[in-house]
C-alpha cells in the first residue's frame, strides 16, 4: 500500500520501518499526506493532521480559526525534540503557532516562505515580520534548524545510513547534510555518532539519554 509513497511512523519504529520497507520514502516528520495515502506519527501529531485536513477541505481561514480556538482552550504545544519549549497563546500569535506546526509537519518536504504564508492566509511580508518580531528569526532558518534537529536525533539514536537520514529529513544529499551539520554543530554527523556511542558505553544504563522526537 505504501510502496513508492512518502510516509511516516512513530519515532520508536522509524529505524525498523526504513529497513523493513525500503520502497517506502520514509519521512521523519509528524504526518505525511502523499496523494491518497495519509500516515501520522501518533500523539499530538494527530491534531496537526486534523487542522491540515480541514485546511484542504475548508480553506486557510477556517483552519486558522480552529488553531486559534485550540490555543484559547489553553492547550500548550510542545515542539518535537524540545521537551521544555512550550508554546502558549500568551507567547505567540495564532499565525506563528500555525506556521510552526506546518514547519514541523513539513520537515522532509520543500517548503517556501510563500507557501507558508499562503497556507496561513497572510502575505509573505507579514509572515516575515511576525517571525522577526516574535521569534527573532526567519521561517527558512527555523526550517533548517528543525531539519538539523531531526537529523541529529536519527544520527544519535539509530544505525541508519547517512544517505537515508539525509533524505528522510529533507536534505538533497548526504554531502549537503554533512556540510550543514558541521556548520551548525562544529562536527560531522559520522564523528558525532562515533563520539556519542563511545560516551554511552561509559555511562550506567539509567543515565543514558532517551531519544527525542
C-alpha atoms as a PDB file:
ATOM      1  CA  UNK A   1       0.000   0.000   0.000  1.00  0.00           C
ATOM      2  CA  UNK A   2       2.822   2.444   0.772  1.00  0.00           C
ATOM      3  CA  UNK A   3       5.479   1.397  -1.754  1.00  0.00           C
ATOM      4  CA  UNK A   4       6.715   4.408  -3.746  1.00  0.00           C
ATOM      5  CA  UNK A   5       4.794   6.763  -1.450  1.00  0.00           C
ATOM      6  CA  UNK A   6       6.102   9.047   1.276  1.00  0.00           C
ATOM      7  CA  UNK A   7       5.078   8.021   4.782  1.00  0.00           C
ATOM      8  CA  UNK A   8       5.941   8.406   8.445  1.00  0.00           C
ATOM      9  CA  UNK A   9       5.590   6.341  11.587  1.00  0.00           C
ATOM     10  CA  UNK A  10       6.175   6.634  15.323  1.00  0.00           C
ATOM     11  CA  UNK A  11       9.770   7.576  16.162  1.00  0.00           C
ATOM     12  CA  UNK A  12      10.308   4.328  18.096  1.00  0.00           C
ATOM     13  CA  UNK A  13       9.621   2.341  14.927  1.00  0.00           C
ATOM     14  CA  UNK A  14      11.275   4.635  12.400  1.00  0.00           C
ATOM     15  CA  UNK A  15      14.578   2.786  12.081  1.00  0.00           C
ATOM     16  CA  UNK A  16      12.988  -0.639  11.605  1.00  0.00           C
ATOM     17  CA  UNK A  17      10.409   0.908   9.261  1.00  0.00           C
ATOM     18  CA  UNK A  18      13.182   2.204   6.984  1.00  0.00           C
ATOM     19  CA  UNK A  19      14.943  -1.162   6.997  1.00  0.00           C
ATOM     20  CA  UNK A  20      11.862  -3.345   6.500  1.00  0.00           C
ATOM     21  CA  UNK A  21      10.220  -1.206   3.818  1.00  0.00           C
ATOM     22  CA  UNK A  22      12.959   0.281   1.598  1.00  0.00           C
ATOM     23  CA  UNK A  23      10.497   1.072  -1.198  1.00  0.00           C
ATOM     24  CA  UNK A  24       8.632   3.487   1.067  1.00  0.00           C
ATOM     25  CA  UNK A  25      10.007   7.030   1.165  1.00  0.00           C
ATOM     26  CA  UNK A  26      10.235   7.379   4.943  1.00  0.00           C
ATOM     27  CA  UNK A  27       9.889  10.912   6.290  1.00  0.00           C
ATOM     28  CA  UNK A  28      10.874  11.773   9.862  1.00  0.00           C
ATOM     29  CA  UNK A  29       8.021  14.186  10.477  1.00  0.00           C
ATOM     30  CA  UNK A  30       4.752  14.455  12.323  1.00  0.00           C
ATOM     31  CA  UNK A  31       2.426  13.469   9.491  1.00  0.00           C
ATOM     32  CA  UNK A  32       2.636  12.896   5.754  1.00  0.00           C
ATOM     33  CA  UNK A  33      -0.034  13.290   3.100  1.00  0.00           C
ATOM     34  CA  UNK A  34       1.058  11.799  -0.215  1.00  0.00           C
ATOM     35  CA  UNK A  35      -1.657  11.586  -2.820  1.00  0.00           C
ATOM     36  CA  UNK A  36      -4.281   9.174  -1.415  1.00  0.00           C
ATOM     37  CA  UNK A  37      -2.124   7.949   1.480  1.00  0.00           C
ATOM     38  CA  UNK A  38      -2.094   9.559   4.940  1.00  0.00           C
ATOM     39  CA  UNK A  39       0.228   8.486   7.744  1.00  0.00           C
ATOM     40  CA  UNK A  40       0.742  10.020  11.178  1.00  0.00           C
ATOM     41  CA  UNK A  41       3.343   9.581  13.913  1.00  0.00           C
ATOM     42  CA  UNK A  42       0.658   9.499  16.618  1.00  0.00           C
ATOM     43  CA  UNK A  43       0.016  11.502  19.766  1.00  0.00           C
ATOM     44  CA  UNK A  44      -0.340  15.253  19.409  1.00  0.00           C
ATOM     45  CA  UNK A  45       0.598  14.975  15.723  1.00  0.00           C
ATOM     46  CA  UNK A  46      -2.993  13.935  15.023  1.00  0.00           C
ATOM     47  CA  UNK A  47      -4.142  17.454  15.928  1.00  0.00           C
ATOM     48  CA  UNK A  48      -1.818  18.988  13.339  1.00  0.00           C
ATOM     49  CA  UNK A  49      -3.016  16.445  10.793  1.00  0.00           C
ATOM     50  CA  UNK A  50      -6.637  17.290  11.599  1.00  0.00           C
ATOM     51  CA  UNK A  51      -6.053  21.010  11.061  1.00  0.00           C
ATOM     52  CA  UNK A  52      -4.277  20.348   7.765  1.00  0.00           C
ATOM     53  CA  UNK A  53      -7.167  18.216   6.504  1.00  0.00           C
ATOM     54  CA  UNK A  54      -9.571  20.988   7.491  1.00  0.00           C
ATOM     55  CA  UNK A  55      -7.414  23.489   5.585  1.00  0.00           C
ATOM     56  CA  UNK A  56      -7.506  21.354   2.467  1.00  0.00           C
ATOM     57  CA  UNK A  57     -11.290  20.898   2.657  1.00  0.00           C
ATOM     58  CA  UNK A  58     -12.457  24.260   4.026  1.00  0.00           C
ATOM     59  CA  UNK A  59      -9.601  26.700   3.477  1.00  0.00           C
ATOM     60  CA  UNK A  60      -6.984  28.633   5.414  1.00  0.00           C
ATOM     61  CA  UNK A  61      -9.386  30.875   7.320  1.00  0.00           C
ATOM     62  CA  UNK A  62     -11.304  28.017   8.960  1.00  0.00           C
ATOM     63  CA  UNK A  63      -8.082  26.145   9.744  1.00  0.00           C
ATOM     64  CA  UNK A  64      -6.644  29.247  11.414  1.00  0.00           C
ATOM     65  CA  UNK A  65      -9.838  29.735  13.452  1.00  0.00           C
ATOM     66  CA  UNK A  66      -9.596  26.158  14.716  1.00  0.00           C
ATOM     67  CA  UNK A  67      -5.934  26.646  15.568  1.00  0.00           C
ATOM     68  CA  UNK A  68      -6.813  29.832  17.449  1.00  0.00           C
ATOM     69  CA  UNK A  69      -9.609  28.064  19.334  1.00  0.00           C
ATOM     70  CA  UNK A  70      -7.237  25.314  20.408  1.00  0.00           C
ATOM     71  CA  UNK A  71      -4.949  27.953  21.864  1.00  0.00           C
ATOM     72  CA  UNK A  72      -7.799  29.751  23.594  1.00  0.00           C
ATOM     73  CA  UNK A  73      -8.576  26.494  25.380  1.00  0.00           C
ATOM     74  CA  UNK A  74      -5.101  26.874  26.908  1.00  0.00           C
ATOM     75  CA  UNK A  75      -3.746  23.703  25.415  1.00  0.00           C
ATOM     76  CA  UNK A  76       0.025  24.068  25.333  1.00  0.00           C
ATOM     77  CA  UNK A  77       2.023  22.795  22.386  1.00  0.00           C
ATOM     78  CA  UNK A  78       5.396  21.072  22.744  1.00  0.00           C
ATOM     79  CA  UNK A  79       7.717  21.156  19.762  1.00  0.00           C
ATOM     80  CA  UNK A  80       9.144  17.700  18.964  1.00  0.00           C
ATOM     81  CA  UNK A  81      12.667  17.328  20.208  1.00  0.00           C
ATOM     82  CA  UNK A  82      12.300  20.269  22.586  1.00  0.00           C
ATOM     83  CA  UNK A  83      10.663  18.962  25.785  1.00  0.00           C
ATOM     84  CA  UNK A  84      11.000  22.284  27.607  1.00  0.00           C
ATOM     85  CA  UNK A  85       9.785  24.513  24.763  1.00  0.00           C
ATOM     86  CA  UNK A  86       6.125  25.117  25.429  1.00  0.00           C
ATOM     87  CA  UNK A  87       4.206  27.482  23.155  1.00  0.00           C
ATOM     88  CA  UNK A  88       1.123  29.136  24.554  1.00  0.00           C
ATOM     89  CA  UNK A  89      -1.248  31.819  23.378  1.00  0.00           C
ATOM     90  CA  UNK A  90       0.459  34.297  25.710  1.00  0.00           C
ATOM     91  CA  UNK A  91       3.747  33.881  23.837  1.00  0.00           C
ATOM     92  CA  UNK A  92       2.868  33.522  20.167  1.00  0.00           C
ATOM     93  CA  UNK A  93       0.145  34.607  17.788  1.00  0.00           C
ATOM     94  CA  UNK A  94      -2.108  32.000  16.133  1.00  0.00           C
ATOM     95  CA  UNK A  95      -0.369  32.749  12.819  1.00  0.00           C
ATOM     96  CA  UNK A  96       3.049  31.896  14.261  1.00  0.00           C
ATOM     97  CA  UNK A  97       1.676  28.830  16.027  1.00  0.00           C
ATOM     98  CA  UNK A  98       0.205  27.617  12.726  1.00  0.00           C
ATOM     99  CA  UNK A  99       3.436  28.340  10.839  1.00  0.00           C
ATOM    100  CA  UNK A 100       5.476  26.385  13.377  1.00  0.00           C
ATOM    101  CA  UNK A 101       3.091  23.445  13.114  1.00  0.00           C
ATOM    102  CA  UNK A 102       3.408  23.499   9.325  1.00  0.00           C
ATOM    103  CA  UNK A 103       7.200  23.631   9.585  1.00  0.00           C
ATOM    104  CA  UNK A 104       7.189  20.684  11.994  1.00  0.00           C
ATOM    105  CA  UNK A 105       4.910  18.709   9.693  1.00  0.00           C
ATOM    106  CA  UNK A 106       6.899  19.524   6.567  1.00  0.00           C
ATOM    107  CA  UNK A 107      10.493  18.997   7.680  1.00  0.00           C
ATOM    108  CA  UNK A 108      11.092  16.424   4.963  1.00  0.00           C
ATOM    109  CA  UNK A 109       9.480  18.463   2.211  1.00  0.00           C
ATOM    110  CA  UNK A 110      10.311  21.545   0.164  1.00  0.00           C
ATOM    111  CA  UNK A 111       8.574  24.487   1.818  1.00  0.00           C
ATOM    112  CA  UNK A 112       8.953  28.124   0.834  1.00  0.00           C
ATOM    113  CA  UNK A 113       8.071  31.211   2.830  1.00  0.00           C
ATOM    114  CA  UNK A 114       5.422  31.983   0.207  1.00  0.00           C
ATOM    115  CA  UNK A 115       3.900  28.501   0.717  1.00  0.00           C
ATOM    116  CA  UNK A 116       3.697  29.028   4.480  1.00  0.00           C
ATOM    117  CA  UNK A 117       2.157  32.455   4.138  1.00  0.00           C
ATOM    118  CA  UNK A 118      -0.420  31.215   1.629  1.00  0.00           C
ATOM    119  CA  UNK A 119      -1.452  28.300   3.826  1.00  0.00           C
ATOM    120  CA  UNK A 120      -1.859  30.601   6.821  1.00  0.00           C
ATOM    121  CA  UNK A 121      -3.736  33.220   4.840  1.00  0.00           C
ATOM    122  CA  UNK A 122      -1.382  36.194   5.232  1.00  0.00           C
ATOM    123  CA  UNK A 123       1.174  37.854   2.983  1.00  0.00           C
ATOM    124  CA  UNK A 124       4.786  36.726   2.757  1.00  0.00           C
ATOM    125  CA  UNK A 125       5.884  40.108   4.090  1.00  0.00           C
ATOM    126  CA  UNK A 126       3.559  39.858   7.093  1.00  0.00           C
ATOM    127  CA  UNK A 127       4.808  36.353   7.909  1.00  0.00           C
ATOM    128  CA  UNK A 128       8.428  37.501   7.844  1.00  0.00           C
ATOM    129  CA  UNK A 129       7.524  40.440  10.071  1.00  0.00           C
ATOM    130  CA  UNK A 130       5.807  38.165  12.610  1.00  0.00           C
ATOM    131  CA  UNK A 131       8.760  35.775  12.697  1.00  0.00           C
ATOM    132  CA  UNK A 132      11.204  38.603  13.278  1.00  0.00           C
ATOM    133  CA  UNK A 133       9.048  40.160  15.997  1.00  0.00           C
ATOM    134  CA  UNK A 134       8.030  37.023  17.889  1.00  0.00           C
ATOM    135  CA  UNK A 135      10.893  34.595  17.251  1.00  0.00           C
ATOM    136  CA  UNK A 136      13.785  36.800  16.129  1.00  0.00           C
ATOM    137  CA  UNK A 137      14.451  34.519  13.168  1.00  0.00           C
ATOM    138  CA  UNK A 138      13.065  33.683   9.727  1.00  0.00           C
ATOM    139  CA  UNK A 139      10.901  30.766   8.562  1.00  0.00           C
ATOM    140  CA  UNK A 140      13.757  29.473   6.399  1.00  0.00           C
ATOM    141  CA  UNK A 141      16.196  29.456   9.310  1.00  0.00           C
ATOM    142  CA  UNK A 142      13.630  27.779  11.557  1.00  0.00           C
ATOM    143  CA  UNK A 143      13.016  25.033   8.985  1.00  0.00           C
ATOM    144  CA  UNK A 144      16.756  24.483   8.529  1.00  0.00           C
ATOM    145  CA  UNK A 145      17.207  24.215  12.299  1.00  0.00           C
ATOM    146  CA  UNK A 146      14.384  21.706  12.663  1.00  0.00           C
ATOM    147  CA  UNK A 147      15.842  19.573   9.865  1.00  0.00           C
ATOM    148  CA  UNK A 148      19.175  19.505  11.659  1.00  0.00           C
ATOM    149  CA  UNK A 149      17.483  18.697  14.973  1.00  0.00           C
ATOM    150  CA  UNK A 150      15.652  15.756  13.390  1.00  0.00           C
ATOM    151  CA  UNK A 151      18.829  14.597  11.665  1.00  0.00           C
ATOM    152  CA  UNK A 152      20.727  14.761  14.954  1.00  0.00           C
ATOM    153  CA  UNK A 153      18.085  12.602  16.647  1.00  0.00           C
ATOM    154  CA  UNK A 154      18.426   9.938  13.947  1.00  0.00           C
ATOM    155  CA  UNK A 155      22.229  10.139  13.930  1.00  0.00           C
ATOM    156  CA  UNK A 156      22.484   9.626  17.685  1.00  0.00           C
ATOM    157  CA  UNK A 157      19.707   7.113  18.188  1.00  0.00           C
ATOM    158  CA  UNK A 158      19.657   4.878  15.111  1.00  0.00           C
ATOM    159  CA  UNK A 159      22.083   2.973  12.917  1.00  0.00           C
ATOM    160  CA  UNK A 160      20.518   4.225   9.701  1.00  0.00           C
ATOM    161  CA  UNK A 161      22.936   5.144   6.895  1.00  0.00           C
ATOM    162  CA  UNK A 162      23.562   8.870   6.469  1.00  0.00           C
ATOM    163  CA  UNK A 163      22.021   8.766   2.990  1.00  0.00           C
ATOM    164  CA  UNK A 164      18.686   7.597   4.421  1.00  0.00           C
ATOM    165  CA  UNK A 165      18.837  10.153   7.228  1.00  0.00           C
ATOM    166  CA  UNK A 166      19.575  12.962   4.790  1.00  0.00           C
ATOM    167  CA  UNK A 167      16.633  12.004   2.593  1.00  0.00           C
ATOM    168  CA  UNK A 168      14.182  11.461   5.445  1.00  0.00           C
ATOM    169  CA  UNK A 169      14.659  14.979   6.865  1.00  0.00           C
ATOM    170  CA  UNK A 170      14.744  16.888   3.594  1.00  0.00           C
ATOM    171  CA  UNK A 171      18.407  17.296   2.647  1.00  0.00           C
ATOM    172  CA  UNK A 172      19.220  16.964  -1.045  1.00  0.00           C
ATOM    173  CA  UNK A 173      22.203  14.656  -0.427  1.00  0.00           C
ATOM    174  CA  UNK A 174      24.465  13.207   2.237  1.00  0.00           C
ATOM    175  CA  UNK A 175      27.103  15.847   1.468  1.00  0.00           C
ATOM    176  CA  UNK A 176      24.503  18.583   1.969  1.00  0.00           C
ATOM    177  CA  UNK A 177      23.630  17.112   5.359  1.00  0.00           C
ATOM    178  CA  UNK A 178      27.288  16.796   6.339  1.00  0.00           C
ATOM    179  CA  UNK A 179      28.193  20.380   5.450  1.00  0.00           C
ATOM    180  CA  UNK A 180      25.081  21.857   7.095  1.00  0.00           C
ATOM    181  CA  UNK A 181      25.568  19.711  10.191  1.00  0.00           C
ATOM    182  CA  UNK A 182      29.228  20.694  10.527  1.00  0.00           C
ATOM    183  CA  UNK A 183      28.374  24.380  10.136  1.00  0.00           C
ATOM    184  CA  UNK A 184      25.756  24.135  12.887  1.00  0.00           C
ATOM    185  CA  UNK A 185      27.385  21.786  15.409  1.00  0.00           C
ATOM    186  CA  UNK A 186      31.086  22.013  14.564  1.00  0.00           C
ATOM    187  CA  UNK A 187      31.370  18.260  13.966  1.00  0.00           C
ATOM    188  CA  UNK A 188      30.486  15.881  11.155  1.00  0.00           C
ATOM    189  CA  UNK A 189      27.493  13.538  11.566  1.00  0.00           C
ATOM    190  CA  UNK A 190      29.705  10.437  11.388  1.00  0.00           C
ATOM    191  CA  UNK A 191      32.086  11.711  14.059  1.00  0.00           C
ATOM    192  CA  UNK A 192      29.248  12.753  16.347  1.00  0.00           C
ATOM    193  CA  UNK A 193      27.699   9.292  16.052  1.00  0.00           C
ATOM    194  CA  UNK A 194      31.037   7.676  16.951  1.00  0.00           C
ATOM    195  CA  UNK A 195      31.609  10.026  19.901  1.00  0.00           C
ATOM    196  CA  UNK A 196      28.061   9.549  21.194  1.00  0.00           C
ATOM    197  CA  UNK A 197      28.235   5.761  21.059  1.00  0.00           C
ATOM    198  CA  UNK A 198      31.589   5.785  22.852  1.00  0.00           C
ATOM    199  CA  UNK A 199      30.197   8.062  25.586  1.00  0.00           C
ATOM    200  CA  UNK A 200      27.063   5.908  26.046  1.00  0.00           C
ATOM    201  CA  UNK A 201      29.154   2.813  26.634  1.00  0.00           C
ATOM    202  CA  UNK A 202      30.862   4.597  29.518  1.00  0.00           C
ATOM    203  CA  UNK A 203      27.573   5.552  31.216  1.00  0.00           C
ATOM    204  CA  UNK A 204      25.374   3.417  33.502  1.00  0.00           C
ATOM    205  CA  UNK A 205      22.175   2.356  31.741  1.00  0.00           C
ATOM    206  CA  UNK A 206      19.904   4.578  33.825  1.00  0.00           C
ATOM    207  CA  UNK A 207      21.935   7.667  32.888  1.00  0.00           C
ATOM    208  CA  UNK A 208      21.680   7.271  29.130  1.00  0.00           C
ATOM    209  CA  UNK A 209      19.726   9.829  27.139  1.00  0.00           C
ATOM    210  CA  UNK A 210      16.243   8.984  25.958  1.00  0.00           C
ATOM    211  CA  UNK A 211      15.977   9.618  22.242  1.00  0.00           C
ATOM    212  CA  UNK A 212      13.923  12.676  21.332  1.00  0.00           C
ATOM    213  CA  UNK A 213      11.398  13.045  18.591  1.00  0.00           C
END
